[in-house]
Amino acid sequence: MKKEFKIISDLILKNSRVLDVGCGDGELMSFLFKNITQDIRGIEISKTNVQKCISKGLTVIEGNAENDLYQFPDASFDFVILGQTLQAFLSPEKVLDELLRVGKKAIVTIPNFGHWKVRLDLLFKGTMPVTASLPHHWHNTPNLHMCTIKDFFNFCDYKNIKFIKSLALNDEKLLNISKGNLSKRNLFSNIGIFLIEK
């Protein structure tokens, strides 16, 4: 299991009502179903992944989060999860607004384009970086809006979104993010993990 999934599961209260947006093949959903809550649903754009989830006994609908979250009533979930897909949307701001409408709280994880290895690739190679958390090349990447931990932190401040927890994952090391250490976390962390609410 990915370290990121364990961190996400630690942020969710037992028996909460959860929606996993862009749930992929259901790996995180399966873990949460077995360990945290059985009241979990998913939405996924890939028909193949939806079928994989259903074959695992998970409740998943096929849909695009950018257009289909409107069907859920306000505050219909305790937690909404968006794992490493915010940067792939045409309108990430719209998606965040919808997450925080549908869920009382949202857990958003992002690959950090501000990590030092990414910066070095751009500086010395002059090419778009390929790393463990950013495994695609420029021509086949789903990422439309490159985002750093610092970008996301500042964006939430601008939108008056409250941080309940702000965490940075640097390989296997989990660290807290604050305004005082933001630049350092942005430089040395692969992934940002945020528990937020309106």
N, C-alpha and C. Protein backbone atom coordinates (compact mmCIF):
# COMPACT_ATOMS: atom_id res chain seq x y z
N MET A 1 0.84 -1.19 0.00
CA MET A 1 0.00 0.00 0.00
C MET A 1 0.88 1.25 0.00
N LYS A 2 0.47 2.26 -0.75
CA LYS A 2 1.22 3.50 -0.81
C LYS A 2 1.19 4.20 0.54
N LYS A 3 2.30 4.80 0.91
CA LYS A 3 2.40 5.57 2.16
C LYS A 3 1.32 6.67 2.18
N GLU A 4 1.09 7.29 1.03
CA GLU A 4 0.09 8.35 0.91
C GLU A 4 -1.30 7.85 1.34
N PHE A 5 -1.64 6.61 0.98
CA PHE A 5 -2.95 6.06 1.33
C PHE A 5 -3.10 5.90 2.84
N LYS A 6 -2.03 5.48 3.51
CA LYS A 6 -2.06 5.31 4.97
C LYS A 6 -2.28 6.67 5.63
N ILE A 7 -1.61 7.70 5.12
CA ILE A 7 -1.77 9.05 5.67
C ILE A 7 -3.20 9.53 5.48
N ILE A 8 -3.75 9.32 4.29
CA ILE A 8 -5.15 9.71 4.02
C ILE A 8 -6.09 9.00 4.98
N SER A 9 -5.89 7.71 5.16
CA SER A 9 -6.79 6.94 6.03
C SER A 9 -6.72 7.43 7.48
N ASP A 10 -5.55 7.90 7.91
CA ASP A 10 -5.41 8.43 9.27
C ASP A 10 -6.16 9.75 9.46
N LEU A 11 -6.48 10.44 8.37
CA LEU A 11 -7.20 11.71 8.46
C LEU A 11 -8.72 11.53 8.50
N ILE A 12 -9.18 10.32 8.20
CA ILE A 12 -10.63 10.06 8.11
C ILE A 12 -11.13 9.40 9.39
N LEU A 13 -12.21 9.92 9.93
CA LEU A 13 -12.80 9.36 11.14
C LEU A 13 -13.54 8.07 10.82
N LYS A 14 -13.51 7.13 11.75
CA LYS A 14 -14.19 5.84 11.58
C LYS A 14 -15.66 6.04 11.25
N ASN A 15 -16.16 5.21 10.36
CA ASN A 15 -17.57 5.18 9.96
C ASN A 15 -18.08 6.49 9.34
N SER A 16 -17.16 7.27 8.77
CA SER A 16 -17.56 8.49 8.06
C SER A 16 -18.15 8.13 6.70
N ARG A 17 -18.89 9.07 6.16
CA ARG A 17 -19.41 8.93 4.79
C ARG A 17 -18.37 9.56 3.86
N VAL A 18 -17.83 8.76 2.92
CA VAL A 18 -16.67 9.18 2.12
C VAL A 18 -16.95 9.06 0.62
N LEU A 19 -16.46 10.05 -0.15
CA LEU A 19 -16.48 9.99 -1.60
C LEU A 19 -15.04 10.10 -2.09
N ASP A 20 -14.62 9.14 -2.91
CA ASP A 20 -13.28 9.16 -3.51
C ASP A 20 -13.44 9.61 -4.97
N VAL A 21 -12.97 10.80 -5.26
CA VAL A 21 -13.11 11.40 -6.59
C VAL A 21 -11.88 11.04 -7.42
N GLY A 22 -12.12 10.40 -8.56
CA GLY A 22 -11.00 9.92 -9.36
C GLY A 22 -10.36 8.73 -8.67
N CYS A 23 -11.19 7.75 -8.33
CA CYS A 23 -10.78 6.65 -7.45
C CYS A 23 -9.89 5.61 -8.13
N GLY A 24 -9.64 5.77 -9.44
CA GLY A 24 -8.74 4.83 -10.12
C GLY A 24 -9.28 3.42 -10.08
N ASP A 25 -8.39 2.47 -9.78
CA ASP A 25 -8.80 1.06 -9.75
C ASP A 25 -9.35 0.63 -8.39
N GLY A 26 -9.51 1.59 -7.47
CA GLY A 26 -10.15 1.29 -6.19
C GLY A 26 -9.21 0.83 -5.09
N GLU A 27 -7.90 0.98 -5.28
CA GLU A 27 -6.94 0.51 -4.27
C GLU A 27 -7.15 1.23 -2.94
N LEU A 28 -7.26 2.56 -2.96
CA LEU A 28 -7.49 3.31 -1.72
C LEU A 28 -8.87 3.00 -1.16
N MET A 29 -9.88 2.97 -2.02
CA MET A 29 -11.24 2.67 -1.56
C MET A 29 -11.30 1.32 -0.85
N SER A 30 -10.65 0.32 -1.40
CA SER A 30 -10.64 -1.03 -0.79
C SER A 30 -10.04 -0.98 0.60
N PHE A 31 -8.93 -0.26 0.73
CA PHE A 31 -8.27 -0.15 2.04
C PHE A 31 -9.19 0.55 3.03
N LEU A 32 -9.81 1.65 2.61
CA LEU A 32 -10.71 2.39 3.51
C LEU A 32 -11.93 1.55 3.88
N PHE A 33 -12.47 0.81 2.91
CA PHE A 33 -13.63 -0.05 3.14
C PHE A 33 -13.32 -1.10 4.20
N LYS A 34 -12.14 -1.68 4.14
CA LYS A 34 -11.76 -2.74 5.09
C LYS A 34 -11.37 -2.21 6.46
N ASN A 35 -10.85 -0.96 6.52
CA ASN A 35 -10.25 -0.47 7.76
C ASN A 35 -10.92 0.74 8.41
N ILE A 36 -11.63 1.55 7.64
CA ILE A 36 -12.14 2.81 8.19
C ILE A 36 -13.66 2.92 8.13
N THR A 37 -14.22 2.73 6.94
CA THR A 37 -15.67 2.91 6.78
C THR A 37 -16.17 2.08 5.59
N GLN A 38 -17.37 1.56 5.74
CA GLN A 38 -17.99 0.86 4.62
C GLN A 38 -18.94 1.77 3.87
N ASP A 39 -19.09 3.01 4.37
CA ASP A 39 -19.95 3.99 3.71
C ASP A 39 -19.09 4.83 2.77
N ILE A 40 -18.61 4.20 1.70
CA ILE A 40 -17.70 4.86 0.78
C ILE A 40 -18.16 4.65 -0.66
N ARG A 41 -18.05 5.71 -1.45
CA ARG A 41 -18.42 5.66 -2.85
C ARG A 41 -17.29 6.28 -3.67
N GLY A 42 -17.30 5.99 -4.97
CA GLY A 42 -16.28 6.55 -5.84
C GLY A 42 -16.87 7.07 -7.12
N ILE A 43 -16.15 7.98 -7.75
CA ILE A 43 -16.48 8.46 -9.09
C ILE A 43 -15.19 8.41 -9.89
N GLU A 44 -15.27 7.85 -11.09
CA GLU A 44 -14.06 7.60 -11.89
C GLU A 44 -14.40 7.77 -13.37
N ILE A 45 -13.51 8.42 -14.11
CA ILE A 45 -13.74 8.71 -15.52
C ILE A 45 -13.45 7.52 -16.44
N SER A 46 -12.56 6.62 -16.01
CA SER A 46 -12.16 5.48 -16.84
C SER A 46 -13.12 4.30 -16.68
N LYS A 47 -13.73 3.91 -17.79
CA LYS A 47 -14.66 2.77 -17.77
C LYS A 47 -13.96 1.50 -17.26
N THR A 48 -12.73 1.29 -17.71
CA THR A 48 -11.95 0.11 -17.29
C THR A 48 -11.75 0.10 -15.78
N ASN A 49 -11.38 1.26 -15.21
CA ASN A 49 -11.18 1.34 -13.76
C ASN A 49 -12.49 1.17 -13.00
N VAL A 50 -13.58 1.69 -13.54
CA VAL A 50 -14.89 1.51 -12.91
C VAL A 50 -15.20 0.02 -12.82
N GLN A 51 -14.95 -0.71 -13.90
CA GLN A 51 -15.20 -2.16 -13.91
C GLN A 51 -14.32 -2.88 -12.88
N LYS A 52 -13.06 -2.45 -12.77
CA LYS A 52 -12.15 -3.04 -11.77
C LYS A 52 -12.70 -2.82 -10.36
N CYS A 53 -13.17 -1.60 -10.10
CA CYS A 53 -13.74 -1.28 -8.78
C CYS A 53 -14.96 -2.13 -8.48
N ILE A 54 -15.85 -2.24 -9.45
CA ILE A 54 -17.08 -3.01 -9.27
C ILE A 54 -16.75 -4.48 -9.02
N SER A 55 -15.73 -4.98 -9.73
CA SER A 55 -15.33 -6.39 -9.53
C SER A 55 -14.78 -6.63 -8.12
N LYS A 56 -14.34 -5.54 -7.46
CA LYS A 56 -13.86 -5.64 -6.07
C LYS A 56 -15.00 -5.44 -5.07
N GLY A 57 -16.21 -5.24 -5.58
CA GLY A 57 -17.36 -5.05 -4.70
C GLY A 57 -17.53 -3.62 -4.23
N LEU A 58 -16.91 -2.66 -4.91
CA LEU A 58 -16.98 -1.26 -4.51
C LEU A 58 -18.08 -0.53 -5.27
N THR A 59 -18.65 0.49 -4.65
CA THR A 59 -19.71 1.28 -5.25
C THR A 59 -19.08 2.48 -5.96
N VAL A 60 -19.04 2.41 -7.29
CA VAL A 60 -18.39 3.45 -8.10
C VAL A 60 -19.27 3.77 -9.29
N ILE A 61 -19.35 5.07 -9.61
CA ILE A 61 -20.06 5.48 -10.82
C ILE A 61 -19.05 6.04 -11.82
N GLU A 62 -19.37 5.89 -13.08
CA GLU A 62 -18.52 6.46 -14.12
C GLU A 62 -18.91 7.91 -14.30
N GLY A 63 -17.94 8.80 -14.21
CA GLY A 63 -18.24 10.21 -14.38
C GLY A 63 -16.98 11.05 -14.33
N ASN A 64 -17.13 12.28 -14.77
CA ASN A 64 -16.04 13.25 -14.78
C ASN A 64 -16.29 14.23 -13.64
N ALA A 65 -15.38 14.30 -12.70
CA ALA A 65 -15.56 15.15 -11.52
C ALA A 65 -15.77 16.61 -11.90
N GLU A 66 -15.19 17.01 -13.01
CA GLU A 66 -15.31 18.41 -13.43
C GLU A 66 -16.74 18.77 -13.79
N ASN A 67 -17.52 17.77 -14.24
CA ASN A 67 -18.88 18.04 -14.70
C ASN A 67 -19.97 17.34 -13.89
N ASP A 68 -19.63 16.30 -13.15
CA ASP A 68 -20.66 15.43 -12.58
C ASP A 68 -20.83 15.50 -11.05
N LEU A 69 -20.05 16.31 -10.36
CA LEU A 69 -20.22 16.40 -8.90
C LEU A 69 -21.51 17.15 -8.52
N TYR A 70 -22.07 17.89 -9.48
CA TYR A 70 -23.30 18.65 -9.21
C TYR A 70 -24.44 17.74 -8.75
N GLN A 71 -24.39 16.46 -9.12
CA GLN A 71 -25.49 15.55 -8.79
C GLN A 71 -25.55 15.19 -7.30
N PHE A 72 -24.47 15.50 -6.57
CA PHE A 72 -24.48 15.21 -5.13
C PHE A 72 -24.96 16.44 -4.36
N PRO A 73 -25.84 16.24 -3.37
CA PRO A 73 -26.32 17.38 -2.57
C PRO A 73 -25.20 18.00 -1.72
N ASP A 74 -25.42 19.21 -1.26
CA ASP A 74 -24.48 19.90 -0.37
C ASP A 74 -24.21 19.05 0.87
N ALA A 75 -22.96 19.02 1.28
CA ALA A 75 -22.53 18.34 2.52
C ALA A 75 -23.05 16.91 2.62
N SER A 76 -23.09 16.20 1.50
CA SER A 76 -23.61 14.83 1.52
C SER A 76 -22.55 13.81 1.96
N PHE A 77 -21.30 14.26 2.09
CA PHE A 77 -20.23 13.38 2.58
C PHE A 77 -19.46 14.08 3.69
N ASP A 78 -18.94 13.29 4.62
CA ASP A 78 -18.09 13.84 5.69
C ASP A 78 -16.72 14.20 5.13
N PHE A 79 -16.21 13.34 4.23
CA PHE A 79 -14.90 13.55 3.62
C PHE A 79 -14.99 13.26 2.12
N VAL A 80 -14.38 14.13 1.32
CA VAL A 80 -14.23 13.89 -0.11
C VAL A 80 -12.73 13.85 -0.38
N ILE A 81 -12.28 12.83 -1.09
CA ILE A 81 -10.85 12.65 -1.37
C ILE A 81 -10.58 12.94 -2.84
N LEU A 82 -9.53 13.71 -3.08
CA LEU A 82 -9.05 13.94 -4.45
C LEU A 82 -7.55 13.68 -4.44
N GLY A 83 -7.15 12.50 -4.88
CA GLY A 83 -5.76 12.08 -4.80
C GLY A 83 -4.98 12.28 -6.09
N GLN A 84 -4.09 13.26 -6.08
CA GLN A 84 -3.14 13.53 -7.16
C GLN A 84 -3.79 13.67 -8.54
N THR A 85 -4.95 14.32 -8.58
CA THR A 85 -5.59 14.56 -9.88
C THR A 85 -6.00 16.01 -10.09
N LEU A 86 -5.85 16.86 -9.10
CA LEU A 86 -6.26 18.26 -9.23
C LEU A 86 -5.61 18.93 -10.44
N GLN A 87 -4.33 18.62 -10.66
CA GLN A 87 -3.58 19.24 -11.74
C GLN A 87 -4.03 18.78 -13.13
N ALA A 88 -4.86 17.74 -13.19
CA ALA A 88 -5.30 17.19 -14.48
C ALA A 88 -6.61 17.82 -14.98
N PHE A 89 -7.24 18.66 -14.16
CA PHE A 89 -8.51 19.26 -14.55
C PHE A 89 -8.32 20.55 -15.36
N LEU A 90 -9.27 20.82 -16.25
CA LEU A 90 -9.26 22.08 -16.98
C LEU A 90 -9.49 23.25 -16.03
N SER A 91 -10.38 23.04 -15.05
CA SER A 91 -10.71 24.10 -14.10
C SER A 91 -10.57 23.58 -12.66
N PRO A 92 -9.33 23.54 -12.13
CA PRO A 92 -9.15 23.03 -10.78
C PRO A 92 -9.89 23.83 -9.71
N GLU A 93 -10.05 25.13 -9.94
CA GLU A 93 -10.76 25.96 -8.96
C GLU A 93 -12.22 25.52 -8.84
N LYS A 94 -12.86 25.25 -9.97
CA LYS A 94 -14.25 24.78 -9.98
C LYS A 94 -14.37 23.44 -9.25
N VAL A 95 -13.41 22.54 -9.50
CA VAL A 95 -13.44 21.22 -8.86
C VAL A 95 -13.29 21.37 -7.35
N LEU A 96 -12.36 22.22 -6.90
CA LEU A 96 -12.19 22.44 -5.45
C LEU A 96 -13.46 23.00 -4.82
N ASP A 97 -14.09 23.95 -5.50
CA ASP A 97 -15.35 24.52 -4.99
C ASP A 97 -16.40 23.42 -4.83
N GLU A 98 -16.48 22.53 -5.82
CA GLU A 98 -17.45 21.44 -5.76
C GLU A 98 -17.12 20.43 -4.65
N LEU A 99 -15.83 20.13 -4.49
CA LEU A 99 -15.42 19.21 -3.42
C LEU A 99 -15.87 19.73 -2.06
N LEU A 100 -15.67 21.04 -1.85
CA LEU A 100 -16.00 21.64 -0.56
C LEU A 100 -17.48 21.94 -0.40
N ARG A 101 -18.23 21.82 -1.48
CA ARG A 101 -19.70 21.91 -1.39
C ARG A 101 -20.27 20.55 -1.04
N VAL A 102 -19.78 19.52 -1.73
CA VAL A 102 -20.28 18.15 -1.55
C VAL A 102 -19.81 17.54 -0.23
N GLY A 103 -18.59 17.87 0.17
CA GLY A 103 -18.04 17.31 1.40
C GLY A 103 -17.90 18.34 2.50
N LYS A 104 -18.08 17.90 3.74
CA LYS A 104 -17.86 18.80 4.88
C LYS A 104 -16.37 19.13 4.98
N LYS A 105 -15.55 18.14 4.62
CA LYS A 105 -14.09 18.32 4.58
C LYS A 105 -13.58 17.64 3.32
N ALA A 106 -12.44 18.11 2.82
CA ALA A 106 -11.83 17.50 1.64
C ALA A 106 -10.37 17.17 1.94
N ILE A 107 -9.92 16.05 1.40
CA ILE A 107 -8.51 15.68 1.46
C ILE A 107 -7.99 15.75 0.04
N VAL A 108 -7.03 16.65 -0.17
CA VAL A 108 -6.47 16.85 -1.51
C VAL A 108 -4.98 16.54 -1.45
N THR A 109 -4.52 15.67 -2.34
CA THR A 109 -3.09 15.41 -2.44
C THR A 109 -2.61 15.85 -3.82
N ILE A 110 -1.41 16.42 -3.85
CA ILE A 110 -0.86 16.91 -5.12
C ILE A 110 0.59 16.48 -5.27
N PRO A 111 0.99 16.13 -6.50
CA PRO A 111 2.43 15.95 -6.74
C PRO A 111 3.05 17.34 -6.75
N ASN A 112 4.20 17.50 -6.13
CA ASN A 112 4.81 18.82 -5.98
C ASN A 112 5.77 19.14 -7.12
N PHE A 113 5.35 20.06 -7.98
CA PHE A 113 6.20 20.50 -9.08
C PHE A 113 7.31 21.43 -8.60
N GLY A 114 7.31 21.77 -7.31
CA GLY A 114 8.36 22.63 -6.75
C GLY A 114 9.52 21.87 -6.13
N HIS A 115 9.46 20.52 -6.17
CA HIS A 115 10.52 19.68 -5.58
C HIS A 115 11.85 19.96 -6.27
N TRP A 116 12.93 19.88 -5.53
CA TRP A 116 14.25 20.24 -6.05
C TRP A 116 14.66 19.42 -7.28
N LYS A 117 14.26 18.16 -7.35
CA LYS A 117 14.62 17.33 -8.51
C LYS A 117 13.93 17.85 -9.78
N VAL A 118 12.70 18.29 -9.62
CA VAL A 118 11.95 18.86 -10.74
C VAL A 118 12.64 20.14 -11.21
N ARG A 119 13.03 20.97 -10.25
CA ARG A 119 13.70 22.23 -10.58
C ARG A 119 15.04 21.98 -11.29
N LEU A 120 15.77 20.98 -10.81
CA LEU A 120 17.06 20.67 -11.42
C LEU A 120 16.91 20.19 -12.86
N ASP A 121 15.91 19.32 -13.10
CA ASP A 121 15.67 18.84 -14.46
C ASP A 121 15.41 20.01 -15.40
N LEU A 122 14.58 20.93 -14.96
CA LEU A 122 14.28 22.08 -15.80
C LEU A 122 15.51 22.96 -16.00
N LEU A 123 16.26 23.16 -14.93
CA LEU A 123 17.42 24.05 -14.98
C LEU A 123 18.56 23.48 -15.82
N PHE A 124 18.93 22.23 -15.56
CA PHE A 124 20.12 21.67 -16.20
C PHE A 124 19.83 20.88 -17.48
N LYS A 125 18.73 20.14 -17.48
CA LYS A 125 18.41 19.37 -18.69
C LYS A 125 17.58 20.19 -19.68
N GLY A 126 16.84 21.15 -19.14
CA GLY A 126 15.97 21.94 -19.99
C GLY A 126 14.77 21.17 -20.50
N THR A 127 14.41 20.10 -19.75
CA THR A 127 13.27 19.27 -20.15
C THR A 127 12.28 19.16 -19.01
N MET A 128 11.05 18.82 -19.37
CA MET A 128 10.04 18.58 -18.34
C MET A 128 10.47 17.36 -17.52
N PRO A 129 10.35 17.44 -16.20
CA PRO A 129 10.85 16.38 -15.33
C PRO A 129 10.02 15.11 -15.37
N VAL A 130 10.70 14.00 -15.14
CA VAL A 130 10.04 12.71 -14.94
C VAL A 130 10.56 12.16 -13.62
N THR A 131 9.65 12.00 -12.65
CA THR A 131 10.01 11.50 -11.32
C THR A 131 9.00 10.44 -10.90
N ALA A 132 9.21 9.86 -9.72
CA ALA A 132 8.27 8.83 -9.22
C ALA A 132 6.86 9.40 -9.07
N SER A 133 6.74 10.64 -8.59
CA SER A 133 5.40 11.22 -8.40
C SER A 133 4.90 11.93 -9.67
N LEU A 134 5.78 12.13 -10.65
CA LEU A 134 5.41 12.72 -11.94
C LEU A 134 5.97 11.83 -13.04
N PRO A 135 5.37 10.64 -13.26
CA PRO A 135 5.99 9.63 -14.11
C PRO A 135 5.82 9.80 -15.62
N HIS A 136 5.07 10.82 -16.06
CA HIS A 136 4.79 10.96 -17.49
C HIS A 136 5.76 11.93 -18.17
N HIS A 137 5.90 11.76 -19.48
CA HIS A 137 6.66 12.71 -20.28
C HIS A 137 5.74 13.84 -20.71
N TRP A 138 6.30 14.93 -21.20
CA TRP A 138 5.51 16.11 -21.53
C TRP A 138 4.39 15.81 -22.52
N HIS A 139 4.61 14.87 -23.43
CA HIS A 139 3.65 14.62 -24.51
C HIS A 139 2.51 13.67 -24.12
N ASN A 140 2.68 12.93 -23.00
CA ASN A 140 1.60 12.02 -22.61
C ASN A 140 1.11 12.25 -21.18
N THR A 141 1.47 13.40 -20.62
CA THR A 141 1.05 13.69 -19.25
C THR A 141 -0.42 14.10 -19.18
N PRO A 142 -1.13 13.67 -18.14
CA PRO A 142 -2.50 14.16 -17.94
C PRO A 142 -2.50 15.54 -17.24
N ASN A 143 -1.32 15.99 -16.81
CA ASN A 143 -1.24 17.22 -16.03
C ASN A 143 -1.37 18.46 -16.91
N LEU A 144 -2.39 19.28 -16.62
CA LEU A 144 -2.63 20.50 -17.37
C LEU A 144 -2.19 21.74 -16.61
N HIS A 145 -2.32 21.69 -15.28
CA HIS A 145 -1.99 22.84 -14.43
C HIS A 145 -0.93 22.41 -13.43
N MET A 146 0.33 22.72 -13.75
CA MET A 146 1.42 22.38 -12.84
C MET A 146 1.25 23.18 -11.56
N CYS A 147 1.40 22.51 -10.43
CA CYS A 147 1.12 23.14 -9.14
C CYS A 147 2.18 22.71 -8.12
N THR A 148 2.61 23.64 -7.30
CA THR A 148 3.54 23.32 -6.23
C THR A 148 2.79 23.34 -4.90
N ILE A 149 3.43 22.83 -3.88
CA ILE A 149 2.85 22.90 -2.53
C ILE A 149 2.59 24.36 -2.16
N LYS A 150 3.55 25.22 -2.50
CA LYS A 150 3.42 26.65 -2.21
C LYS A 150 2.24 27.27 -2.96
N ASP A 151 2.08 26.90 -4.24
CA ASP A 151 0.94 27.38 -5.03
C ASP A 151 -0.39 27.01 -4.37
N PHE A 152 -0.51 25.74 -3.98
CA PHE A 152 -1.77 25.27 -3.41
C PHE A 152 -2.04 25.96 -2.07
N PHE A 153 -1.01 26.08 -1.26
CA PHE A 153 -1.13 26.74 0.05
C PHE A 153 -1.60 28.19 -0.13
N ASN A 154 -0.96 28.90 -1.05
CA ASN A 154 -1.33 30.30 -1.30
C ASN A 154 -2.73 30.43 -1.91
N PHE A 155 -3.09 29.49 -2.79
CA PHE A 155 -4.41 29.49 -3.40
C PHE A 155 -5.51 29.33 -2.34
N CYS A 156 -5.30 28.39 -1.42
CA CYS A 156 -6.30 28.18 -0.35
C CYS A 156 -6.42 29.41 0.54
N ASP A 157 -5.29 30.07 0.83
CA ASP A 157 -5.32 31.33 1.59
C ASP A 157 -6.17 32.37 0.85
N TYR A 158 -5.93 32.50 -0.45
CA TYR A 158 -6.65 33.46 -1.28
C TYR A 158 -8.16 33.17 -1.30
N LYS A 159 -8.52 31.88 -1.31
CA LYS A 159 -9.93 31.46 -1.37
C LYS A 159 -10.58 31.37 0.01
N ASN A 160 -9.83 31.71 1.06
CA ASN A 160 -10.32 31.59 2.45
C ASN A 160 -10.73 30.16 2.79
N ILE A 161 -9.97 29.20 2.26
CA ILE A 161 -10.17 27.79 2.59
C ILE A 161 -9.31 27.50 3.82
N LYS A 162 -9.92 26.85 4.82
CA LYS A 162 -9.20 26.59 6.08
C LYS A 162 -8.42 25.29 6.00
N PHE A 163 -7.19 25.34 6.48
CA PHE A 163 -6.37 24.13 6.60
C PHE A 163 -6.61 23.51 7.97
N ILE A 164 -7.04 22.26 7.99
CA ILE A 164 -7.13 21.52 9.24
C ILE A 164 -5.78 20.83 9.47
N LYS A 165 -5.24 20.27 8.39
CA LYS A 165 -3.89 19.69 8.42
C LYS A 165 -3.23 19.93 7.08
N SER A 166 -1.96 20.30 7.12
CA SER A 166 -1.15 20.47 5.91
C SER A 166 0.11 19.64 6.10
N LEU A 167 0.27 18.64 5.24
CA LEU A 167 1.37 17.70 5.40
C LEU A 167 2.18 17.59 4.12
N ALA A 168 3.47 17.35 4.29
CA ALA A 168 4.36 17.15 3.16
C ALA A 168 5.01 15.78 3.30
N LEU A 169 5.02 15.05 2.21
CA LEU A 169 5.65 13.73 2.19
C LEU A 169 6.93 13.83 1.37
N ASN A 170 8.06 13.56 2.05
CA ASN A 170 9.36 13.57 1.41
C ASN A 170 9.88 12.15 1.44
N ASP A 171 9.69 11.43 0.33
CA ASP A 171 9.95 9.99 0.28
C ASP A 171 9.14 9.32 1.39
N GLU A 172 9.77 8.85 2.46
CA GLU A 172 9.03 8.17 3.54
C GLU A 172 8.79 9.07 4.75
N LYS A 173 9.29 10.30 4.71
CA LYS A 173 9.21 11.19 5.87
C LYS A 173 8.00 12.12 5.76
N LEU A 174 7.17 12.14 6.80
CA LEU A 174 5.97 12.98 6.83
C LEU A 174 6.23 14.19 7.73
N LEU A 175 5.99 15.38 7.19
CA LEU A 175 6.28 16.62 7.93
C LEU A 175 5.09 17.56 7.85
N ASN A 176 4.93 18.41 8.86
CA ASN A 176 3.89 19.42 8.86
C ASN A 176 4.32 20.61 8.01
N ILE A 177 3.33 21.25 7.38
CA ILE A 177 3.59 22.47 6.62
C ILE A 177 2.98 23.65 7.36
N SER A 178 3.73 24.73 7.47
CA SER A 178 3.21 25.98 8.04
C SER A 178 3.73 27.13 7.19
N LYS A 179 3.24 28.33 7.44
CA LYS A 179 3.73 29.49 6.68
C LYS A 179 5.22 29.67 6.90
N GLY A 180 5.69 29.36 8.10
CA GLY A 180 7.10 29.54 8.44
C GLY A 180 8.04 28.59 7.71
N ASN A 181 7.57 27.39 7.35
CA ASN A 181 8.47 26.42 6.70
C ASN A 181 8.03 26.10 5.27
N LEU A 182 7.12 26.90 4.73
CA LEU A 182 6.51 26.62 3.43
C LEU A 182 7.55 26.48 2.31
N SER A 183 8.49 27.40 2.24
CA SER A 183 9.50 27.36 1.17
C SER A 183 10.35 26.10 1.27
N LYS A 184 10.70 25.72 2.48
CA LYS A 184 11.53 24.51 2.70
C LYS A 184 10.76 23.25 2.31
N ARG A 185 9.51 23.15 2.76
CA ARG A 185 8.69 21.98 2.41
C ARG A 185 8.47 21.91 0.90
N ASN A 186 8.29 23.06 0.28
CA ASN A 186 8.07 23.12 -1.16
C ASN A 186 9.29 22.63 -1.93
N LEU A 187 10.47 22.87 -1.39
CA LEU A 187 11.71 22.49 -2.06
C LEU A 187 12.03 21.00 -1.90
N PHE A 188 11.71 20.43 -0.73
CA PHE A 188 12.18 19.08 -0.42
C PHE A 188 11.12 17.99 -0.41
N SER A 189 9.86 18.31 -0.68
CA SER A 189 8.80 17.32 -0.58
C SER A 189 8.26 16.90 -1.94
N ASN A 190 7.96 15.60 -2.07
CA ASN A 190 7.43 15.05 -3.32
C ASN A 190 5.93 15.30 -3.47
N ILE A 191 5.22 15.19 -2.33
CA ILE A 191 3.75 15.23 -2.35
C ILE A 191 3.24 16.12 -1.22
N GLY A 192 2.20 16.90 -1.51
CA GLY A 192 1.50 17.66 -0.49
C GLY A 192 0.17 16.98 -0.19
N ILE A 193 -0.18 16.91 1.10
CA ILE A 193 -1.43 16.29 1.53
C ILE A 193 -2.16 17.29 2.43
N PHE A 194 -3.37 17.67 2.03
CA PHE A 194 -4.08 18.75 2.73
C PHE A 194 -5.47 18.29 3.14
N LEU A 195 -5.81 18.51 4.40
CA LEU A 195 -7.17 18.33 4.90
C LEU A 195 -7.75 19.72 5.05
N ILE A 196 -8.78 20.03 4.26
CA ILE A 196 -9.29 21.40 4.19
C ILE A 196 -10.80 21.44 4.40
N GLU A 197 -11.30 22.63 4.72
CA GLU A 197 -12.74 22.86 4.81
C GLU A 197 -13.02 24.31 4.50
N LYS A 198 -14.27 24.59 4.16
CA LYS A 198 -14.68 25.97 3.85
C LYS A 198 -14.84 26.75 5.13
